[in-house]
Amino acid sequence: MFLILALIAGWTGIVVSLSPWVGSWPVLVQAIFYLAAGIVWILPLKPLLRWMELGKWRG
Protein backbone atom coordinates (compact mmCIF):
# COMPACT_ATOMS: atom_id res chain seq x y z
CA MET A 1 0.00 0.00 0.00
CA PHE A 2 2.83 2.40 0.82
CA LEU A 3 4.50 1.64 -2.51
CA ILE A 4 1.28 2.56 -4.33
CA LEU A 5 1.09 5.84 -2.42
CA ALA A 6 4.76 6.53 -3.15
CA LEU A 7 4.26 5.91 -6.88
CA ILE A 8 1.23 8.20 -6.96
CA ALA A 9 3.07 10.91 -5.02
CA GLY A 10 6.10 10.61 -7.29
CA TRP A 11 3.99 10.83 -10.45
CA THR A 12 2.11 13.81 -9.02
CA GLY A 13 5.42 15.53 -8.27
CA ILE A 14 6.60 15.00 -11.84
CA VAL A 15 3.39 16.35 -13.36
CA VAL A 16 3.31 19.34 -10.99
CA SER A 17 6.94 20.17 -11.77
CA LEU A 18 5.96 20.41 -15.45
CA SER A 19 3.13 22.86 -14.75
CA PRO A 20 5.12 26.05 -15.51
CA TRP A 21 5.62 24.86 -19.09
CA VAL A 22 2.23 23.24 -19.49
CA GLY A 23 0.53 26.40 -18.20
CA SER A 24 1.73 28.34 -21.22
CA TRP A 25 0.16 25.88 -23.67
CA PRO A 26 -3.30 26.38 -25.19
CA VAL A 27 -6.12 25.15 -22.95
CA LEU A 28 -7.09 22.26 -25.22
CA VAL A 29 -3.51 20.97 -25.32
CA GLN A 30 -3.31 21.29 -21.52
CA ALA A 31 -6.50 19.24 -21.18
CA ILE A 32 -5.08 16.50 -23.39
CA PHE A 33 -1.79 16.50 -21.45
CA TYR A 34 -3.51 16.25 -18.06
CA LEU A 35 -5.90 13.58 -19.34
CA ALA A 36 -2.96 11.51 -20.57
CA ALA A 37 -1.03 12.14 -17.34
CA GLY A 38 -4.07 11.02 -15.37
CA ILE A 39 -4.21 7.73 -17.26
CA VAL A 40 -0.50 6.93 -17.66
CA TRP A 41 0.16 6.63 -13.91
CA ILE A 42 -1.92 3.44 -13.86
CA LEU A 43 0.50 1.53 -16.12
CA PRO A 44 3.32 1.06 -13.56
CA LEU A 45 0.76 0.04 -10.94
CA LYS A 46 -0.71 -2.84 -12.94
CA PRO A 47 2.10 -5.33 -12.13
CA LEU A 48 2.08 -4.26 -8.49
CA LEU A 49 -1.68 -4.72 -8.17
CA ARG A 50 -1.45 -8.09 -9.96
CA TRP A 51 1.23 -9.18 -7.50
CA MET A 52 -0.88 -8.05 -4.56
CA GLU A 53 -3.85 -10.07 -5.78
CA LEU A 54 -2.18 -13.20 -7.19
CA GLY A 55 1.13 -13.33 -5.32
CA LYS A 56 3.20 -13.46 -8.52
CA TRP A 57 4.48 -10.85 -10.98
CA ARG A 58 3.31 -12.55 -14.18
CA GLY A 59 -0.30 -13.53 -14.86
PDB file of N, CA and C in Angstrom:
ATOM      1  N   MET A   1       0.823  -1.187   0.000  1.00  0.00           N
ATOM      2  CA  MET A   1       0.000   0.000   0.000  1.00  0.00           C
ATOM      3  C   MET A   1       0.870   1.255   0.000  1.00  0.00           C
ATOM      4  N   PHE A   2       1.952   1.232   0.769  1.00  0.00           N
ATOM      5  CA  PHE A   2       2.828   2.396   0.819  1.00  0.00           C
ATOM      6  C   PHE A   2       3.558   2.606  -0.505  1.00  0.00           C
ATOM      7  N   LEU A   3       3.858   1.519  -1.205  1.00  0.00           N
ATOM      8  CA  LEU A   3       4.497   1.643  -2.508  1.00  0.00           C
ATOM      9  C   LEU A   3       3.539   2.289  -3.511  1.00  0.00           C
ATOM     10  N   ILE A   4       2.280   1.944  -3.455  1.00  0.00           N
ATOM     11  CA  ILE A   4       1.276   2.559  -4.329  1.00  0.00           C
ATOM     12  C   ILE A   4       1.199   4.062  -4.047  1.00  0.00           C
ATOM     13  N   LEU A   5       1.141   4.420  -2.784  1.00  0.00           N
ATOM     14  CA  LEU A   5       1.086   5.837  -2.424  1.00  0.00           C
ATOM     15  C   LEU A   5       2.350   6.577  -2.855  1.00  0.00           C
ATOM     16  N   ALA A   6       3.498   5.913  -2.728  1.00  0.00           N
ATOM     17  CA  ALA A   6       4.758   6.531  -3.149  1.00  0.00           C
ATOM     18  C   ALA A   6       4.784   6.741  -4.663  1.00  0.00           C
ATOM     19  N   LEU A   7       4.298   5.758  -5.425  1.00  0.00           N
ATOM     20  CA  LEU A   7       4.256   5.910  -6.880  1.00  0.00           C
ATOM     21  C   LEU A   7       3.321   7.040  -7.292  1.00  0.00           C
ATOM     22  N   ILE A   8       2.173   7.129  -6.649  1.00  0.00           N
ATOM     23  CA  ILE A   8       1.226   8.203  -6.965  1.00  0.00           C
ATOM     24  C   ILE A   8       1.823   9.562  -6.598  1.00  0.00           C
ATOM     25  N   ALA A   9       2.455   9.645  -5.437  1.00  0.00           N
ATOM     26  CA  ALA A   9       3.072  10.912  -5.018  1.00  0.00           C
ATOM     27  C   ALA A   9       4.212  11.296  -5.950  1.00  0.00           C
ATOM     28  N   GLY A  10       5.005  10.331  -6.367  1.00  0.00           N
ATOM     29  CA  GLY A  10       6.098  10.614  -7.292  1.00  0.00           C
ATOM     30  C   GLY A  10       5.587  11.098  -8.647  1.00  0.00           C
ATOM     31  N   TRP A  11       4.570  10.427  -9.167  1.00  0.00           N
ATOM     32  CA  TRP A  11       3.990  10.832 -10.449  1.00  0.00           C
ATOM     33  C   TRP A  11       3.373  12.224 -10.339  1.00  0.00           C
ATOM     34  N   THR A  12       2.703  12.489  -9.232  1.00  0.00           N
ATOM     35  CA  THR A  12       2.113  13.811  -9.024  1.00  0.00           C
ATOM     36  C   THR A  12       3.206  14.877  -8.986  1.00  0.00           C
ATOM     37  N   GLY A  13       4.307  14.593  -8.323  1.00  0.00           N
ATOM     38  CA  GLY A  13       5.420  15.530  -8.271  1.00  0.00           C
ATOM     39  C   GLY A  13       5.998  15.824  -9.648  1.00  0.00           C
ATOM     40  N   ILE A  14       6.097  14.803 -10.481  1.00  0.00           N
ATOM     41  CA  ILE A  14       6.599  14.998 -11.840  1.00  0.00           C
ATOM     42  C   ILE A  14       5.659  15.883 -12.646  1.00  0.00           C
ATOM     43  N   VAL A  15       4.363  15.574 -12.585  1.00  0.00           N
ATOM     44  CA  VAL A  15       3.393  16.351 -13.360  1.00  0.00           C
ATOM     45  C   VAL A  15       3.325  17.791 -12.853  1.00  0.00           C
ATOM     46  N   VAL A  16       3.352  17.984 -11.549  1.00  0.00           N
ATOM     47  CA  VAL A  16       3.310  19.337 -10.989  1.00  0.00           C
ATOM     48  C   VAL A  16       4.567  20.122 -11.363  1.00  0.00           C
ATOM     49  N   SER A  17       5.710  19.458 -11.406  1.00  0.00           N
ATOM     50  CA  SER A  17       6.935  20.170 -11.769  1.00  0.00           C
ATOM     51  C   SER A  17       6.911  20.625 -13.231  1.00  0.00           C
ATOM     52  N   LEU A  18       6.097  20.003 -14.051  1.00  0.00           N
ATOM     53  CA  LEU A  18       5.963  20.414 -15.455  1.00  0.00           C
ATOM     54  C   LEU A  18       4.946  21.529 -15.647  1.00  0.00           C
ATOM     55  N   SER A  19       4.209  21.882 -14.609  1.00  0.00           N
ATOM     56  CA  SER A  19       3.125  22.855 -14.753  1.00  0.00           C
ATOM     57  C   SER A  19       3.551  24.240 -15.241  1.00  0.00           C
ATOM     58  N   PRO A  20       4.755  24.746 -14.935  1.00  0.00           N
ATOM     59  CA  PRO A  20       5.116  26.050 -15.506  1.00  0.00           C
ATOM     60  C   PRO A  20       5.139  26.046 -17.043  1.00  0.00           C
ATOM     61  N   TRP A  21       5.598  24.953 -17.627  1.00  0.00           N
ATOM     62  CA  TRP A  21       5.622  24.861 -19.088  1.00  0.00           C
ATOM     63  C   TRP A  21       4.241  24.554 -19.644  1.00  0.00           C
ATOM     64  N   VAL A  22       3.555  23.637 -19.000  1.00  0.00           N
ATOM     65  CA  VAL A  22       2.228  23.240 -19.485  1.00  0.00           C
ATOM     66  C   VAL A  22       1.253  24.415 -19.380  1.00  0.00           C
ATOM     67  N   GLY A  23       1.411  25.260 -18.393  1.00  0.00           N
ATOM     68  CA  GLY A  23       0.527  26.399 -18.196  1.00  0.00           C
ATOM     69  C   GLY A  23       0.565  27.410 -19.325  1.00  0.00           C
ATOM     70  N   SER A  24       1.637  27.402 -20.101  1.00  0.00           N
ATOM     71  CA  SER A  24       1.733  28.340 -21.222  1.00  0.00           C
ATOM     72  C   SER A  24       1.156  27.765 -22.510  1.00  0.00           C
ATOM     73  N   TRP A  25       0.741  26.508 -22.489  1.00  0.00           N
ATOM     74  CA  TRP A  25       0.158  25.875 -23.666  1.00  0.00           C
ATOM     75  C   TRP A  25      -1.296  26.296 -23.822  1.00  0.00           C
ATOM     76  N   PRO A  26      -1.863  26.136 -25.016  1.00  0.00           N
ATOM     77  CA  PRO A  26      -3.304  26.381 -25.191  1.00  0.00           C
ATOM     78  C   PRO A  26      -4.134  25.439 -24.300  1.00  0.00           C
ATOM     79  N   VAL A  27      -5.297  25.891 -23.916  1.00  0.00           N
ATOM     80  CA  VAL A  27      -6.123  25.151 -22.950  1.00  0.00           C
ATOM     81  C   VAL A  27      -6.448  23.744 -23.439  1.00  0.00           C
ATOM     82  N   LEU A  28      -6.747  23.579 -24.704  1.00  0.00           N
ATOM     83  CA  LEU A  28      -7.087  22.256 -25.225  1.00  0.00           C
ATOM     84  C   LEU A  28      -5.891  21.306 -25.132  1.00  0.00           C
ATOM     85  N   VAL A  29      -4.713  21.799 -25.417  1.00  0.00           N
ATOM     86  CA  VAL A  29      -3.505  20.973 -25.316  1.00  0.00           C
ATOM     87  C   VAL A  29      -3.235  20.624 -23.854  1.00  0.00           C
ATOM     88  N   GLN A  30      -3.460  21.570 -22.957  1.00  0.00           N
ATOM     89  CA  GLN A  30      -3.313  21.294 -21.517  1.00  0.00           C
ATOM     90  C   GLN A  30      -4.268  20.189 -21.088  1.00  0.00           C
ATOM     91  N   ALA A  31      -5.502  20.258 -21.555  1.00  0.00           N
ATOM     92  CA  ALA A  31      -6.497  19.244 -21.182  1.00  0.00           C
ATOM     93  C   ALA A  31      -6.060  17.867 -21.652  1.00  0.00           C
ATOM     94  N   ILE A  32      -5.546  17.788 -22.867  1.00  0.00           N
ATOM     95  CA  ILE A  32      -5.076  16.502 -23.389  1.00  0.00           C
ATOM     96  C   ILE A  32      -3.891  15.996 -22.582  1.00  0.00           C
ATOM     97  N   PHE A  33      -2.957  16.893 -22.250  1.00  0.00           N
ATOM     98  CA  PHE A  33      -1.793  16.502 -21.446  1.00  0.00           C
ATOM     99  C   PHE A  33      -2.224  15.957 -20.085  1.00  0.00           C
ATOM    100  N   TYR A  34      -3.108  16.691 -19.396  1.00  0.00           N
ATOM    101  CA  TYR A  34      -3.514  16.254 -18.056  1.00  0.00           C
ATOM    102  C   TYR A  34      -4.383  14.994 -18.116  1.00  0.00           C
ATOM    103  N   LEU A  35      -5.139  14.820 -19.170  1.00  0.00           N
ATOM    104  CA  LEU A  35      -5.896  13.581 -19.342  1.00  0.00           C
ATOM    105  C   LEU A  35      -4.945  12.404 -19.510  1.00  0.00           C
ATOM    106  N   ALA A  36      -3.942  12.580 -20.369  1.00  0.00           N
ATOM    107  CA  ALA A  36      -2.956  11.512 -20.571  1.00  0.00           C
ATOM    108  C   ALA A  36      -2.173  11.250 -19.285  1.00  0.00           C
ATOM    109  N   ALA A  37      -1.769  12.309 -18.592  1.00  0.00           N
ATOM    110  CA  ALA A  37      -1.028  12.141 -17.336  1.00  0.00           C
ATOM    111  C   ALA A  37      -1.877  11.442 -16.280  1.00  0.00           C
ATOM    112  N   GLY A  38      -3.173  11.664 -16.323  1.00  0.00           N
ATOM    113  CA  GLY A  38      -4.068  11.020 -15.373  1.00  0.00           C
ATOM    114  C   GLY A  38      -4.299   9.552 -15.660  1.00  0.00           C
ATOM    115  N   ILE A  39      -4.035   9.133 -16.889  1.00  0.00           N
ATOM    116  CA  ILE A  39      -4.212   7.730 -17.258  1.00  0.00           C
ATOM    117  C   ILE A  39      -2.897   6.961 -17.176  1.00  0.00           C
ATOM    118  N   VAL A  40      -1.795   7.603 -17.567  1.00  0.00           N
ATOM    119  CA  VAL A  40      -0.499   6.926 -17.661  1.00  0.00           C
ATOM    120  C   VAL A  40      -0.009   6.406 -16.311  1.00  0.00           C
ATOM    121  N   TRP A  41      -0.359   7.059 -15.218  1.00  0.00           N
ATOM    122  CA  TRP A  41       0.157   6.631 -13.906  1.00  0.00           C
ATOM    123  C   TRP A  41      -0.327   5.239 -13.525  1.00  0.00           C
ATOM    124  N   ILE A  42      -1.379   4.765 -14.179  1.00  0.00           N
ATOM    125  CA  ILE A  42      -1.920   3.441 -13.856  1.00  0.00           C
ATOM    126  C   ILE A  42      -0.997   2.330 -14.377  1.00  0.00           C
ATOM    127  N   LEU A  43      -0.312   2.577 -15.494  1.00  0.00           N
ATOM    128  CA  LEU A  43       0.501   1.528 -16.118  1.00  0.00           C
ATOM    129  C   LEU A  43       1.560   0.924 -15.194  1.00  0.00           C
ATOM    130  N   PRO A  44       2.348   1.708 -14.453  1.00  0.00           N
ATOM    131  CA  PRO A  44       3.316   1.061 -13.561  1.00  0.00           C
ATOM    132  C   PRO A  44       2.672   0.349 -12.375  1.00  0.00           C
ATOM    133  N   LEU A  45       1.422   0.680 -12.076  1.00  0.00           N
ATOM    134  CA  LEU A  45       0.762   0.041 -10.942  1.00  0.00           C
ATOM    135  C   LEU A  45       0.156  -1.317 -11.289  1.00  0.00           C
ATOM    136  N   LYS A  46      -0.079  -1.577 -12.570  1.00  0.00           N
ATOM    137  CA  LYS A  46      -0.712  -2.845 -12.944  1.00  0.00           C
ATOM    138  C   LYS A  46       0.055  -4.060 -12.444  1.00  0.00           C
ATOM    139  N   PRO A  47       1.390  -4.148 -12.654  1.00  0.00           N
ATOM    140  CA  PRO A  47       2.100  -5.327 -12.130  1.00  0.00           C
ATOM    141  C   PRO A  47       2.051  -5.402 -10.598  1.00  0.00           C
ATOM    142  N   LEU A  48       2.123  -4.260  -9.949  1.00  0.00           N
ATOM    143  CA  LEU A  48       2.077  -4.256  -8.485  1.00  0.00           C
ATOM    144  C   LEU A  48       0.725  -4.752  -7.980  1.00  0.00           C
ATOM    145  N   LEU A  49      -0.340  -4.274  -8.588  1.00  0.00           N
ATOM    146  CA  LEU A  49      -1.677  -4.724  -8.175  1.00  0.00           C
ATOM    147  C   LEU A  49      -1.886  -6.199  -8.492  1.00  0.00           C
ATOM    148  N   ARG A  50      -1.354  -6.665  -9.623  1.00  0.00           N
ATOM    149  CA  ARG A  50      -1.453  -8.093  -9.962  1.00  0.00           C
ATOM    150  C   ARG A  50      -0.716  -8.923  -8.914  1.00  0.00           C
ATOM    151  N   TRP A  51       0.470  -8.459  -8.515  1.00  0.00           N
ATOM    152  CA  TRP A  51       1.235  -9.182  -7.505  1.00  0.00           C
ATOM    153  C   TRP A  51       0.484  -9.214  -6.177  1.00  0.00           C
ATOM    154  N   MET A  52      -0.151  -8.094  -5.818  1.00  0.00           N
ATOM    155  CA  MET A  52      -0.883  -8.052  -4.560  1.00  0.00           C
ATOM    156  C   MET A  52      -2.052  -9.028  -4.567  1.00  0.00           C
ATOM    157  N   GLU A  53      -2.688  -9.190  -5.718  1.00  0.00           N
ATOM    158  CA  GLU A  53      -3.851 -10.065  -5.779  1.00  0.00           C
ATOM    159  C   GLU A  53      -3.480 -11.534  -5.963  1.00  0.00           C
ATOM    160  N   LEU A  54      -2.505 -11.821  -6.847  1.00  0.00           N
ATOM    161  CA  LEU A  54      -2.179 -13.196  -7.189  1.00  0.00           C
ATOM    162  C   LEU A  54      -0.961 -13.749  -6.460  1.00  0.00           C
ATOM    163  N   GLY A  55      -0.084 -12.863  -5.985  1.00  0.00           N
ATOM    164  CA  GLY A  55       1.133 -13.327  -5.317  1.00  0.00           C
ATOM    165  C   GLY A  55       2.274 -13.625  -6.268  1.00  0.00           C
ATOM    166  N   LYS A  56       2.118 -13.281  -7.552  1.00  0.00           N
ATOM    167  CA  LYS A  56       3.200 -13.460  -8.517  1.00  0.00           C
ATOM    168  C   LYS A  56       3.178 -12.295  -9.501  1.00  0.00           C
ATOM    169  N   TRP A  57       4.355 -12.018 -10.113  1.00  0.00           N
ATOM    170  CA  TRP A  57       4.479 -10.851 -10.983  1.00  0.00           C
ATOM    171  C   TRP A  57       3.848 -11.070 -12.346  1.00  0.00           C
ATOM    172  N   ARG A  58       3.854 -12.274 -12.847  1.00  0.00           N
ATOM    173  CA  ARG A  58       3.311 -12.551 -14.181  1.00  0.00           C
ATOM    174  C   ARG A  58       1.978 -13.280 -14.042  1.00  0.00           C
ATOM    175  N   GLY A  59       1.029 -12.910 -14.898  1.00  0.00           N
ATOM    176  CA  GLY A  59      -0.297 -13.530 -14.860  1.00  0.00           C
ATOM    177  C   GLY A  59      -0.251 -14.871 -15.456  1.00  0.00           C
TER     178      GLY A  59
END
